[in-house]
């Protein structure tokens, strides 16, 4: 009877220990899961687009040791919902800030879309943007140029740009003007832009269509009056942006 009672108690204790271990393992797995949004910023599970699980660091080859790197972290991201691999590579830090070595990207169907060999660089980059701009005050000005997005990892973006524009006719003569500007575009579809040429300065604000097109109203002030070309007065400004990396530049529409 004692033997049978001991056996029952042993089975009960064992079952409790096994359930406790499984529960602790589940909690540990949840704590080791990192969720990120479309801009690769850490977020909660319900707002996440990708996720990854922390992994232990591992030693790397002698060729990397010559560069002063003693360890690296496997960095695998997965799609929320499908759990398919989105990115696989290595980072020199646990937070995945500095990528190094072979890297691969996949679409949601698991097809390889891109691969590269990365040399110790930060994950932030500066995608090149081509912009077309039309503004009108007392004279119209059409310009084209390039922009850099200074903070692709943020919802609110800074665009630093430079270009060259042509005014409409002054008695058959056309004038060219350089353009330098900085635009601050928010996730709430608003923007503020300031810029200057060698002849005038301007500031405009208004609405942005997901950073693809900005439409604003502002004012232009010439540096010297009565010198051709003289661009002054209230200004209407339209900007179009074209880029090869739309996911990093254009604000994504959110469905409620």
Protein backbone atom coordinates (compact mmCIF):
# COMPACT_ATOMS: atom_id res chain seq x y z
CA UNK A 1 0.00 0.00 0.00
CA UNK A 2 2.87 2.36 0.85
CA UNK A 3 4.55 1.51 -2.42
CA UNK A 4 1.41 2.27 -4.42
CA UNK A 5 0.87 5.55 -2.55
CA UNK A 6 4.47 6.56 -3.12
CA UNK A 7 4.11 5.77 -6.83
CA UNK A 8 0.98 7.97 -7.10
CA UNK A 9 2.70 10.85 -5.34
CA UNK A 10 5.77 10.47 -7.52
CA UNK A 11 3.65 10.63 -10.69
CA UNK A 12 1.81 13.70 -9.40
CA UNK A 13 4.99 15.55 -8.50
CA UNK A 14 6.57 14.62 -11.83
CA UNK A 15 3.53 15.87 -13.73
CA UNK A 16 3.61 19.19 -11.85
CA UNK A 17 7.32 19.62 -12.56
CA UNK A 18 6.84 18.87 -16.26
CA UNK A 19 3.96 21.35 -16.57
CA UNK A 20 5.95 23.99 -14.70
CA UNK A 21 8.93 23.47 -17.00
CA UNK A 22 6.76 23.79 -20.11
CA UNK A 23 5.16 26.95 -18.76
CA UNK A 24 8.54 28.49 -17.95
CA UNK A 25 9.79 27.56 -21.42
CA UNK A 26 6.78 29.26 -23.00
CA UNK A 27 7.33 32.42 -20.93
CA UNK A 28 11.01 32.42 -21.81
CA UNK A 29 10.23 32.05 -25.53
CA UNK A 30 7.80 34.97 -25.36
CA UNK A 31 10.38 37.15 -23.62
CA UNK A 32 12.99 36.26 -26.26
CA UNK A 33 10.69 37.26 -29.16
CA UNK A 34 11.27 40.76 -30.55
CA UNK A 35 8.49 42.33 -32.63
CA UNK A 36 9.15 45.16 -35.11
CA UNK A 37 6.91 47.31 -37.31
CA UNK A 38 7.25 48.20 -41.01
CA UNK A 39 10.00 50.72 -40.11
CA UNK A 40 11.95 48.06 -38.15
CA UNK A 41 11.23 49.75 -34.83
CA UNK A 42 10.46 47.56 -31.84
CA UNK A 43 6.73 47.43 -31.13
CA UNK A 44 4.02 45.22 -29.64
CA UNK A 45 2.82 41.98 -31.20
CA UNK A 46 -0.50 43.41 -32.41
CA UNK A 47 1.30 46.17 -34.37
CA UNK A 48 4.19 44.06 -35.65
CA UNK A 49 4.99 43.19 -39.27
CA UNK A 50 8.08 41.07 -38.58
CA UNK A 51 9.55 39.31 -35.57
CA UNK A 52 12.77 37.64 -34.54
CA UNK A 53 13.93 35.44 -31.67
CA UNK A 54 17.06 36.22 -29.72
CA UNK A 55 19.82 33.69 -30.30
CA UNK A 56 23.11 32.99 -28.64
CA UNK A 57 26.23 34.51 -30.15
CA UNK A 58 28.54 32.20 -32.03
CA UNK A 59 32.24 32.37 -33.02
CA UNK A 60 33.11 33.40 -36.57
CA UNK A 61 35.90 32.71 -39.03
CA UNK A 62 39.51 33.79 -38.86
CA UNK A 63 39.07 36.27 -41.71
CA UNK A 64 36.63 38.22 -39.54
CA UNK A 65 38.90 37.96 -36.51
CA UNK A 66 41.52 39.87 -38.48
CA UNK A 67 39.06 42.78 -38.64
CA UNK A 68 38.72 42.87 -34.88
CA UNK A 69 35.32 41.15 -34.71
CA UNK A 70 35.31 38.35 -32.15
CA UNK A 71 31.67 37.25 -32.26
CA UNK A 72 28.49 37.65 -34.22
CA UNK A 73 24.78 37.04 -33.72
CA UNK A 74 22.50 35.12 -36.10
CA UNK A 75 19.79 37.55 -37.19
CA UNK A 76 16.62 35.97 -38.61
CA UNK A 77 13.39 37.88 -39.15
CA UNK A 78 10.03 36.24 -39.93
CA UNK A 79 6.72 37.46 -41.33
CA UNK A 80 3.92 37.82 -38.81
CA UNK A 81 1.07 35.48 -39.72
CA UNK A 82 2.92 33.15 -42.10
CA UNK A 83 6.07 32.67 -39.97
CA UNK A 84 8.05 32.48 -43.21
CA UNK A 85 11.63 33.71 -43.21
CA UNK A 86 11.97 37.36 -44.30
CA UNK A 87 15.66 38.00 -43.63
CA UNK A 88 18.66 35.96 -42.57
CA UNK A 89 22.10 37.27 -41.80
CA UNK A 90 24.47 38.20 -39.00
CA UNK A 91 25.01 41.17 -36.73
CA UNK A 92 27.98 42.14 -34.58
CA UNK A 93 25.63 43.25 -31.79
CA UNK A 94 22.66 41.59 -30.10
CA UNK A 95 20.27 44.38 -31.17
CA UNK A 96 20.89 43.80 -34.87
CA UNK A 97 22.24 47.32 -35.48
CA UNK A 98 25.42 46.40 -37.38
CA UNK A 99 25.11 43.84 -40.16
CA UNK A 100 28.03 41.84 -41.48
CA UNK A 101 28.70 38.88 -43.77
CA UNK A 102 26.20 37.14 -46.04
CA UNK A 103 22.62 38.46 -45.94
CA UNK A 104 19.49 37.23 -47.74
CA UNK A 105 15.97 38.64 -48.13
CA UNK A 106 12.80 36.68 -48.96
CA UNK A 107 9.23 37.53 -49.94
CA UNK A 108 6.20 36.14 -48.11
CA UNK A 109 6.15 33.07 -50.36
CA UNK A 110 9.67 32.13 -49.29
CA UNK A 111 11.31 33.10 -52.60
CA UNK A 112 14.76 34.68 -52.40
CA UNK A 113 14.49 38.31 -53.59
CA UNK A 114 17.93 39.72 -52.80
CA UNK A 115 21.30 38.82 -51.31
CA UNK A 116 24.42 40.76 -50.44
CA UNK A 117 27.71 40.59 -48.59
CA UNK A 118 27.75 43.32 -45.96
CA UNK A 119 30.85 44.87 -44.43
CA UNK A 120 30.21 46.10 -40.91
CA UNK A 121 27.69 48.80 -41.61
CA UNK A 122 24.77 50.22 -39.72
CA UNK A 123 21.32 49.17 -40.85
CA UNK A 124 20.39 52.80 -41.53
CA UNK A 125 20.88 53.92 -45.11
CA UNK A 126 20.07 56.97 -47.19
CA UNK A 127 17.98 56.04 -50.25
CA UNK A 128 18.34 58.35 -53.23
CA UNK A 129 15.17 60.17 -54.33
CA UNK A 130 14.49 62.05 -57.55
CA UNK A 131 12.18 65.01 -57.11
CA UNK A 132 10.27 67.21 -59.53
CA UNK A 133 9.11 70.57 -58.23
CA UNK A 134 6.83 73.30 -59.54
CA UNK A 135 6.26 76.60 -57.74
CA UNK A 136 4.54 79.80 -58.76
CA UNK A 137 4.66 83.27 -57.20
CA UNK A 138 5.00 86.37 -59.38
CA UNK A 139 6.97 84.02 -61.68
CA UNK A 140 6.82 80.28 -62.14
CA UNK A 141 9.78 78.02 -61.46
CA UNK A 142 10.15 74.40 -62.58
CA UNK A 143 13.02 72.44 -61.02
CA UNK A 144 14.38 68.89 -60.76
CA UNK A 145 16.93 67.37 -58.43
CA UNK A 146 17.73 64.74 -55.85
CA UNK A 147 16.90 64.25 -52.19
CA UNK A 148 18.23 62.17 -49.32
CA UNK A 149 15.97 60.83 -46.59
CA UNK A 150 17.94 61.38 -43.40
CA UNK A 151 15.90 59.07 -41.16
CA UNK A 152 14.30 56.15 -42.99
CA UNK A 153 13.59 54.36 -39.70
CA UNK A 154 11.16 57.05 -38.52
CA UNK A 155 7.51 57.73 -39.34
CA UNK A 156 8.30 61.48 -39.55
CA UNK A 157 10.92 62.02 -42.22
CA UNK A 158 13.48 64.70 -43.11
CA UNK A 159 14.23 65.18 -46.83
CA UNK A 160 17.39 67.12 -47.72
CA UNK A 161 17.48 68.13 -51.37
CA UNK A 162 19.33 70.00 -54.08
CA UNK A 163 18.35 70.73 -57.66
CA UNK A 164 18.22 73.22 -60.50
CA UNK A 165 15.27 75.18 -61.84
CA UNK A 166 14.22 77.28 -64.84
CA UNK A 167 11.94 80.34 -64.62
CA UNK A 168 9.34 81.23 -67.18
CA UNK A 169 10.10 83.87 -69.77
CA UNK A 170 11.25 87.45 -69.08
CA UNK A 171 10.66 88.98 -72.53
CA UNK A 172 11.97 85.83 -74.19
CA UNK A 173 14.80 85.22 -71.69
CA UNK A 174 14.89 82.27 -69.29
CA UNK A 175 16.94 82.09 -66.10
CA UNK A 176 18.31 79.13 -64.20
CA UNK A 177 18.46 78.94 -60.42
CA UNK A 178 19.94 76.33 -58.05
CA UNK A 179 17.70 75.08 -55.26
CA UNK A 180 18.54 73.81 -51.79
CA UNK A 181 15.82 72.73 -49.37
CA UNK A 182 14.90 70.76 -46.28
CA UNK A 183 11.43 69.23 -45.88
CA UNK A 184 9.92 67.74 -42.72
CA UNK A 185 7.08 65.31 -43.53
CA UNK A 186 4.97 63.84 -40.75
CA UNK A 187 2.98 60.62 -40.59
CA UNK A 188 -0.13 62.77 -40.21
CA UNK A 189 0.08 63.86 -43.89
CA UNK A 190 1.49 67.32 -43.14
CA UNK A 191 4.80 68.85 -44.18
CA UNK A 192 6.92 71.97 -43.65
CA UNK A 193 9.55 72.95 -46.19
CA UNK A 194 12.15 75.68 -46.31
CA UNK A 195 14.60 76.43 -49.10
CA UNK A 196 16.66 78.96 -50.97
CA UNK A 197 18.36 79.74 -54.27
CA UNK A 198 21.00 82.35 -55.03
CA UNK A 199 18.21 84.91 -55.52
CA UNK A 200 15.48 84.13 -53.00
CA UNK A 201 14.37 82.15 -49.96
CA UNK A 202 11.00 80.51 -49.34
CA UNK A 203 8.96 78.57 -46.83
CA UNK A 204 5.86 76.48 -47.55
CA UNK A 205 3.64 74.06 -45.64
CA UNK A 206 0.68 71.92 -46.53
CA UNK A 207 -0.40 68.35 -47.20
CA UNK A 208 1.66 65.37 -48.32
CA UNK A 209 0.22 62.35 -50.10
CA UNK A 210 2.21 59.61 -48.32
CA UNK A 211 5.46 61.49 -49.26
CA UNK A 212 4.84 60.75 -52.94
CA UNK A 213 3.46 64.24 -53.57
CA UNK A 214 3.54 67.43 -51.47
CA UNK A 215 1.15 70.32 -52.08
CA UNK A 216 1.81 73.47 -50.08
CA UNK A 217 1.27 77.20 -49.75
CA UNK A 218 3.81 79.73 -48.49
CA UNK A 219 5.85 82.83 -49.22
CA UNK A 220 8.97 83.69 -51.23
CA UNK A 221 11.30 86.58 -50.38
CA UNK A 222 13.99 87.85 -52.78
CA UNK A 223 17.40 88.76 -51.42
CA UNK A 224 17.44 91.93 -53.55
CA UNK A 225 14.48 93.74 -55.10
CA UNK A 226 14.25 94.70 -58.78
CA UNK A 227 16.95 92.25 -59.88
CA UNK A 228 16.05 89.71 -62.55
CA UNK A 229 14.96 87.04 -61.86
CA UNK A 230 12.93 88.33 -58.93
CA UNK A 231 10.72 85.70 -57.28
CA UNK A 232 8.57 87.07 -54.50
CA UNK A 233 5.14 86.90 -52.95
CA UNK A 234 2.75 84.18 -51.92
CA UNK A 235 3.79 80.83 -53.37
CA UNK A 236 2.05 77.61 -54.37
CA UNK A 237 4.42 74.65 -54.40
CA UNK A 238 4.04 71.07 -55.70
CA UNK A 239 6.65 68.33 -55.33
CA UNK A 240 6.70 64.78 -56.76
CA UNK A 241 9.10 62.12 -55.43
CA UNK A 242 10.33 59.04 -57.27
CA UNK A 243 12.52 56.45 -55.55
CA UNK A 244 13.77 52.90 -56.05
CA UNK A 245 13.04 52.10 -52.38
CA UNK A 246 9.39 53.10 -51.89
CA UNK A 247 8.94 51.10 -48.67
CA UNK A 248 11.62 53.20 -46.99
CA UNK A 249 10.33 56.54 -48.30
CA UNK A 250 6.59 56.41 -48.80
CA UNK A 251 4.29 56.28 -45.79
CA UNK A 252 2.18 53.12 -45.89
CA UNK A 253 -1.60 53.46 -45.78
CA UNK A 254 -3.01 52.00 -42.58
CA UNK A 255 -6.30 50.14 -42.67
CA UNK A 256 -8.54 50.57 -39.65
